C-alpha atoms as a PDB file:
ATOM      1  CA  UNK A   1     119.284 119.376  -6.402  1.00  0.00           C
ATOM      2  CA  UNK A   2     121.046 122.460  -7.694  1.00  0.00           C
ATOM      3  CA  UNK A   3     119.495 124.156 -10.716  1.00  0.00           C
ATOM      4  CA  UNK A   4     120.678 126.289 -13.632  1.00  0.00           C
ATOM      5  CA  UNK A   5     118.369 128.367 -15.794  1.00  0.00           C
ATOM      6  CA  UNK A   6     119.815 129.484 -19.154  1.00  0.00           C
ATOM      7  CA  UNK A   7     117.861 132.261 -20.856  1.00  0.00           C
ATOM      8  CA  UNK A   8     118.968 134.223 -23.892  1.00  0.00           C
ATOM      9  CA  UNK A   9     119.224 134.273 -27.638  1.00  0.00           C
ATOM     10  CA  UNK A  10     121.377 133.395 -30.602  1.00  0.00           C
ATOM     11  CA  UNK A  11     121.624 136.898 -32.012  1.00  0.00           C
ATOM     12  CA  UNK A  12     123.188 136.122 -35.388  1.00  0.00           C
ATOM     13  CA  UNK A  13     126.389 135.522 -37.330  1.00  0.00           C
ATOM     14  CA  UNK A  14     129.041 137.654 -39.007  1.00  0.00           C
ATOM     15  CA  UNK A  15     132.246 137.187 -40.965  1.00  0.00           C
ATOM     16  CA  UNK A  16     130.989 134.477 -43.309  1.00  0.00           C
ATOM     17  CA  UNK A  17     131.712 134.568 -47.066  1.00  0.00           C
ATOM     18  CA  UNK A  18     127.991 134.322 -47.896  1.00  0.00           C
ATOM     19  CA  UNK A  19     125.170 135.874 -45.900  1.00  0.00           C
ATOM     20  CA  UNK A  20     122.078 133.693 -46.417  1.00  0.00           C
ATOM     21  CA  UNK A  21     122.545 131.711 -43.203  1.00  0.00           C
ATOM     22  CA  UNK A  22     120.747 129.689 -40.565  1.00  0.00           C
ATOM     23  CA  UNK A  23     121.965 127.853 -37.480  1.00  0.00           C
ATOM     24  CA  UNK A  24     121.280 124.443 -35.962  1.00  0.00           C
ATOM     25  CA  UNK A  25     122.152 124.283 -32.273  1.00  0.00           C
ATOM     26  CA  UNK A  26     122.124 121.865 -29.360  1.00  0.00           C
ATOM     27  CA  UNK A  27     123.131 121.700 -25.714  1.00  0.00           C
ATOM     28  CA  UNK A  28     125.179 118.773 -24.419  1.00  0.00           C
ATOM     29  CA  UNK A  29     125.475 117.939 -20.706  1.00  0.00           C
ATOM     30  CA  UNK A  30     126.996 115.229 -18.567  1.00  0.00           C
ATOM     31  CA  UNK A  31     125.137 112.330 -16.993  1.00  0.00           C
ATOM     32  CA  UNK A  32     124.404 114.101 -13.698  1.00  0.00           C
ATOM     33  CA  UNK A  33     122.256 116.733 -15.437  1.00  0.00           C
ATOM     34  CA  UNK A  34     118.484 116.510 -15.874  1.00  0.00           C
ATOM     35  CA  UNK A  35     116.386 118.695 -18.173  1.00  0.00           C
ATOM     36  CA  UNK A  36     113.495 120.256 -16.216  1.00  0.00           C
ATOM     37  CA  UNK A  37     112.038 122.429 -18.992  1.00  0.00           C
ATOM     38  CA  UNK A  38     112.835 123.802 -22.412  1.00  0.00           C
ATOM     39  CA  UNK A  39     114.344 122.194 -25.497  1.00  0.00           C
ATOM     40  CA  UNK A  40     118.012 121.294 -25.883  1.00  0.00           C
ATOM     41  CA  UNK A  41     118.222 121.581 -29.669  1.00  0.00           C
ATOM     42  CA  UNK A  42     116.723 123.702 -32.388  1.00  0.00           C
ATOM     43  CA  UNK A  43     117.143 125.622 -35.595  1.00  0.00           C
ATOM     44  CA  UNK A  44     116.891 129.304 -36.433  1.00  0.00           C
ATOM     45  CA  UNK A  45     115.170 130.768 -39.453  1.00  0.00           C
ATOM     46  CA  UNK A  46     117.107 131.651 -42.612  1.00  0.00           C
ATOM     47  CA  UNK A  47     118.169 135.298 -42.793  1.00  0.00           C
ATOM     48  CA  UNK A  48     119.061 136.990 -46.066  1.00  0.00           C
ATOM     49  CA  UNK A  49     120.476 140.402 -45.145  1.00  0.00           C
ATOM     50  CA  UNK A  50     120.410 142.807 -48.079  1.00  0.00           C
ATOM     51  CA  UNK A  51     122.961 145.439 -47.101  1.00  0.00           C
ATOM     52  CA  UNK A  52     124.502 144.142 -43.909  1.00  0.00           C
ATOM     53  CA  UNK A  53     127.476 141.985 -43.024  1.00  0.00           C
ATOM     54  CA  UNK A  54     125.556 140.191 -40.271  1.00  0.00           C
ATOM     55  CA  UNK A  55     122.739 137.656 -40.483  1.00  0.00           C
ATOM     56  CA  UNK A  56     120.265 138.243 -37.636  1.00  0.00           C
ATOM     57  CA  UNK A  57     118.304 135.373 -36.095  1.00  0.00           C
ATOM     58  CA  UNK A  58     117.292 136.526 -32.583  1.00  0.00           C
ATOM     59  CA  UNK A  59     116.470 132.903 -31.783  1.00  0.00           C
ATOM     60  CA  UNK A  60     115.352 132.408 -28.157  1.00  0.00           C
ATOM     61  CA  UNK A  61     116.926 129.911 -25.773  1.00  0.00           C
ATOM     62  CA  UNK A  62     115.196 129.038 -22.495  1.00  0.00           C
ATOM     63  CA  UNK A  63     116.487 125.909 -20.745  1.00  0.00           C
ATOM     64  CA  UNK A  64     116.194 124.813 -17.119  1.00  0.00           C
ATOM     65  CA  UNK A  65     118.466 122.058 -15.736  1.00  0.00           C
ATOM     66  CA  UNK A  66     118.847 120.306 -12.392  1.00  0.00           C
ATOM     67  CA  UNK A  67     122.144 118.697 -11.429  1.00  0.00           C
ATOM     68  CA  UNK A  68     123.784 116.610  -8.739  1.00  0.00           C
ATOM     69  CA  UNK A  69     127.285 117.866  -9.577  1.00  0.00           C
ATOM     70  CA  UNK A  70     129.312 120.268 -11.679  1.00  0.00           C
ATOM     71  CA  UNK A  71     130.852 117.624 -13.916  1.00  0.00           C
ATOM     72  CA  UNK A  72     129.418 117.813 -17.419  1.00  0.00           C
ATOM     73  CA  UNK A  73     128.542 121.527 -17.272  1.00  0.00           C
ATOM     74  CA  UNK A  74     126.397 122.423 -20.336  1.00  0.00           C
ATOM     75  CA  UNK A  75     128.074 123.113 -23.683  1.00  0.00           C
ATOM     76  CA  UNK A  76     126.379 124.702 -26.670  1.00  0.00           C
ATOM     77  CA  UNK A  77     127.296 123.275 -30.056  1.00  0.00           C
ATOM     78  CA  UNK A  78     126.479 125.081 -33.294  1.00  0.00           C
ATOM     79  CA  UNK A  79     126.282 124.322 -36.987  1.00  0.00           C
ATOM     80  CA  UNK A  80     126.002 127.294 -39.345  1.00  0.00           C
ATOM     81  CA  UNK A  81     124.412 126.499 -42.722  1.00  0.00           C
ATOM     82  CA  UNK A  82     124.264 128.499 -45.955  1.00  0.00           C
ATOM     83  CA  UNK A  83     121.275 128.393 -48.297  1.00  0.00           C
ATOM     84  CA  UNK A  84     121.999 129.149 -51.945  1.00  0.00           C
ATOM     85  CA  UNK A  85     119.690 130.788 -54.505  1.00  0.00           C
ATOM     86  CA  UNK A  86     118.279 127.371 -55.476  1.00  0.00           C
ATOM     87  CA  UNK A  87     117.269 126.562 -51.894  1.00  0.00           C
ATOM     88  CA  UNK A  88     120.058 124.023 -51.370  1.00  0.00           C
ATOM     89  CA  UNK A  89     121.568 123.902 -47.881  1.00  0.00           C
ATOM     90  CA  UNK A  90     125.319 123.623 -47.360  1.00  0.00           C
ATOM     91  CA  UNK A  91     126.984 123.109 -43.996  1.00  0.00           C
ATOM     92  CA  UNK A  92     129.313 126.078 -43.537  1.00  0.00           C
ATOM     93  CA  UNK A  93     130.883 125.644 -40.121  1.00  0.00           C
ATOM     94  CA  UNK A  94     130.892 124.172 -36.635  1.00  0.00           C
ATOM     95  CA  UNK A  95     131.403 125.845 -33.276  1.00  0.00           C
ATOM     96  CA  UNK A  96     130.894 125.315 -29.565  1.00  0.00           C
ATOM     97  CA  UNK A  97     131.159 127.141 -26.295  1.00  0.00           C
ATOM     98  CA  UNK A  98     131.019 126.292 -22.640  1.00  0.00           C
ATOM     99  CA  UNK A  99     127.972 127.911 -21.097  1.00  0.00           C
ATOM    100  CA  UNK A 100     129.286 130.473 -18.578  1.00  0.00           C
ATOM    101  CA  UNK A 101     129.167 129.276 -14.980  1.00  0.00           C
ATOM    102  CA  UNK A 102     128.931 132.740 -13.419  1.00  0.00           C
ATOM    103  CA  UNK A 103     125.508 134.280 -12.818  1.00  0.00           C
ATOM    104  CA  UNK A 104     124.425 137.225 -14.905  1.00  0.00           C
ATOM    105  CA  UNK A 105     124.108 138.270 -18.522  1.00  0.00           C
ATOM    106  CA  UNK A 106     126.942 137.415 -20.911  1.00  0.00           C
ATOM    107  CA  UNK A 107     127.548 138.683 -24.463  1.00  0.00           C
ATOM    108  CA  UNK A 108     129.455 135.908 -26.227  1.00  0.00           C
ATOM    109  CA  UNK A 109     131.206 135.471 -29.573  1.00  0.00           C
ATOM    110  CA  UNK A 110     131.723 131.907 -30.738  1.00  0.00           C
ATOM    111  CA  UNK A 111     134.337 131.382 -33.452  1.00  0.00           C
ATOM    112  CA  UNK A 112     133.409 128.726 -35.992  1.00  0.00           C
ATOM    113  CA  UNK A 113     135.457 126.430 -38.225  1.00  0.00           C
ATOM    114  CA  UNK A 114     135.042 123.824 -40.926  1.00  0.00           C
ATOM    115  CA  UNK A 115     137.113 120.783 -41.891  1.00  0.00           C
ATOM    116  CA  UNK A 116     139.434 121.363 -44.857  1.00  0.00           C
ATOM    117  CA  UNK A 117     139.491 117.904 -46.410  1.00  0.00           C
ATOM    118  CA  UNK A 118     141.888 116.795 -49.118  1.00  0.00           C
ATOM    119  CA  UNK A 119     142.965 119.094 -51.941  1.00  0.00           C
ATOM    120  CA  UNK A 120     140.595 117.193 -54.277  1.00  0.00           C
ATOM    121  CA  UNK A 121     137.683 117.873 -51.897  1.00  0.00           C
ATOM    122  CA  UNK A 122     138.656 121.555 -51.705  1.00  0.00           C
ATOM    123  CA  UNK A 123     138.649 121.915 -55.510  1.00  0.00           C
ATOM    124  CA  UNK A 124     135.354 120.045 -55.742  1.00  0.00           C
ATOM    125  CA  UNK A 125     133.879 122.348 -53.093  1.00  0.00           C
ATOM    126  CA  UNK A 126     134.832 125.424 -55.132  1.00  0.00           C
ATOM    127  CA  UNK A 127     132.999 124.192 -58.234  1.00  0.00           C
ATOM    128  CA  UNK A 128     130.204 121.960 -56.954  1.00  0.00           C
ATOM    129  CA  UNK A 129     129.660 123.129 -53.377  1.00  0.00           C
ATOM    130  CA  UNK A 130     129.311 120.976 -50.315  1.00  0.00           C
ATOM    131  CA  UNK A 131     132.450 119.916 -48.535  1.00  0.00           C
ATOM    132  CA  UNK A 132     133.646 117.545 -45.840  1.00  0.00           C
ATOM    133  CA  UNK A 133     131.438 117.060 -42.800  1.00  0.00           C
ATOM    134  CA  UNK A 134     132.081 115.429 -39.451  1.00  0.00           C
ATOM    135  CA  UNK A 135     130.773 111.862 -39.127  1.00  0.00           C
ATOM    136  CA  UNK A 136     130.030 112.340 -35.446  1.00  0.00           C
ATOM    137  CA  UNK A 137     128.763 115.636 -33.997  1.00  0.00           C
ATOM    138  CA  UNK A 138     130.386 114.723 -30.678  1.00  0.00           C
ATOM    139  CA  UNK A 139     133.709 115.840 -32.217  1.00  0.00           C
ATOM    140  CA  UNK A 140     132.417 119.408 -32.030  1.00  0.00           C
ATOM    141  CA  UNK A 141     132.330 119.497 -28.234  1.00  0.00           C
ATOM    142  CA  UNK A 142     134.252 116.326 -27.277  1.00  0.00           C
ATOM    143  CA  UNK A 143     137.715 117.492 -28.190  1.00  0.00           C
ATOM    144  CA  UNK A 144     139.524 114.146 -27.822  1.00  0.00           C
ATOM    145  CA  UNK A 145     140.051 113.707 -31.572  1.00  0.00           C
ATOM    146  CA  UNK A 146     139.356 117.281 -32.659  1.00  0.00           C
ATOM    147  CA  UNK A 147     143.027 118.239 -32.454  1.00  0.00           C
ATOM    148  CA  UNK A 148     143.773 115.886 -35.379  1.00  0.00           C
ATOM    149  CA  UNK A 149     141.426 117.721 -37.765  1.00  0.00           C
ATOM    150  CA  UNK A 150     142.747 120.183 -40.324  1.00  0.00           C
ATOM    151  CA  UNK A 151     140.368 123.125 -40.270  1.00  0.00           C
ATOM    152  CA  UNK A 152     139.941 126.658 -41.482  1.00  0.00           C
ATOM    153  CA  UNK A 153     138.201 129.396 -39.541  1.00  0.00           C
ATOM    154  CA  UNK A 154     134.919 130.795 -40.756  1.00  0.00           C
ATOM    155  CA  UNK A 155     132.779 133.508 -39.152  1.00  0.00           C
ATOM    156  CA  UNK A 156     131.509 133.934 -35.641  1.00  0.00           C
ATOM    157  CA  UNK A 157     128.150 133.491 -33.932  1.00  0.00           C
ATOM    158  CA  UNK A 158     126.897 136.187 -31.541  1.00  0.00           C
ATOM    159  CA  UNK A 159     124.967 135.115 -28.443  1.00  0.00           C
ATOM    160  CA  UNK A 160     123.557 136.707 -25.337  1.00  0.00           C
ATOM    161  CA  UNK A 161     122.901 134.372 -22.411  1.00  0.00           C
ATOM    162  CA  UNK A 162     121.704 134.999 -18.877  1.00  0.00           C
ATOM    163  CA  UNK A 163     122.676 132.364 -16.312  1.00  0.00           C
ATOM    164  CA  UNK A 164     120.595 131.949 -13.158  1.00  0.00           C
ATOM    165  CA  UNK A 165     121.994 129.371 -10.696  1.00  0.00           C
ATOM    166  CA  UNK A 166     119.843 128.194  -7.806  1.00  0.00           C
ATOM    167  CA  UNK A 167     120.602 126.204  -4.625  1.00  0.00           C
ATOM    168  CA  UNK A 168     124.293 125.695  -5.442  1.00  0.00           C
ATOM    169  CA  UNK A 169     125.341 127.011  -2.008  1.00  0.00           C
ATOM    170  CA  UNK A 170     123.382 124.153  -0.374  1.00  0.00           C
ATOM    171  CA  UNK A 171     125.733 121.734  -2.103  1.00  0.00           C
ATOM    172  CA  UNK A 172     128.937 123.582  -1.262  1.00  0.00           C
ATOM    173  CA  UNK A 173     129.429 125.435  -4.530  1.00  0.00           C
ATOM    174  CA  UNK A 174     129.936 129.198  -4.479  1.00  0.00           C
ATOM    175  CA  UNK A 175     128.756 131.121  -7.561  1.00  0.00           C
END
């Protein structure tokens, strides 16, 4: 079977209205993919930058997959959370990216977004916090119904990933 090794890190996030942030992440693949080693979901620590516009996490990612085909290539989905001064966590935004299919090291920026909700929910969010959340996380990377959502852009997540494919040429795929 062909193999893909994904090594790298979630560096951090920038462009968010508040800076006390952490990130929950996961990797989604198709049915032909098998996890050989590593974890496919995790959470970074909370960073509270004092004088910087960027929250730094430097969270490692090390995942090794085997596959019988290219369909269902891995996608990384992200949720950026904000922690307020009382320790309450608020979901800030969603994002996803297709893991690059070319070998080598890639510096990536992932734009993030959040659902807008109704005008009543927006006013409530200003005074109370919180806000609308997706019922199903598959909307983040699925895309079939995502086009119907009304969203607003938030910040961006910075990543650095190294992709190491192995044995793809045996199965007729050129990298």
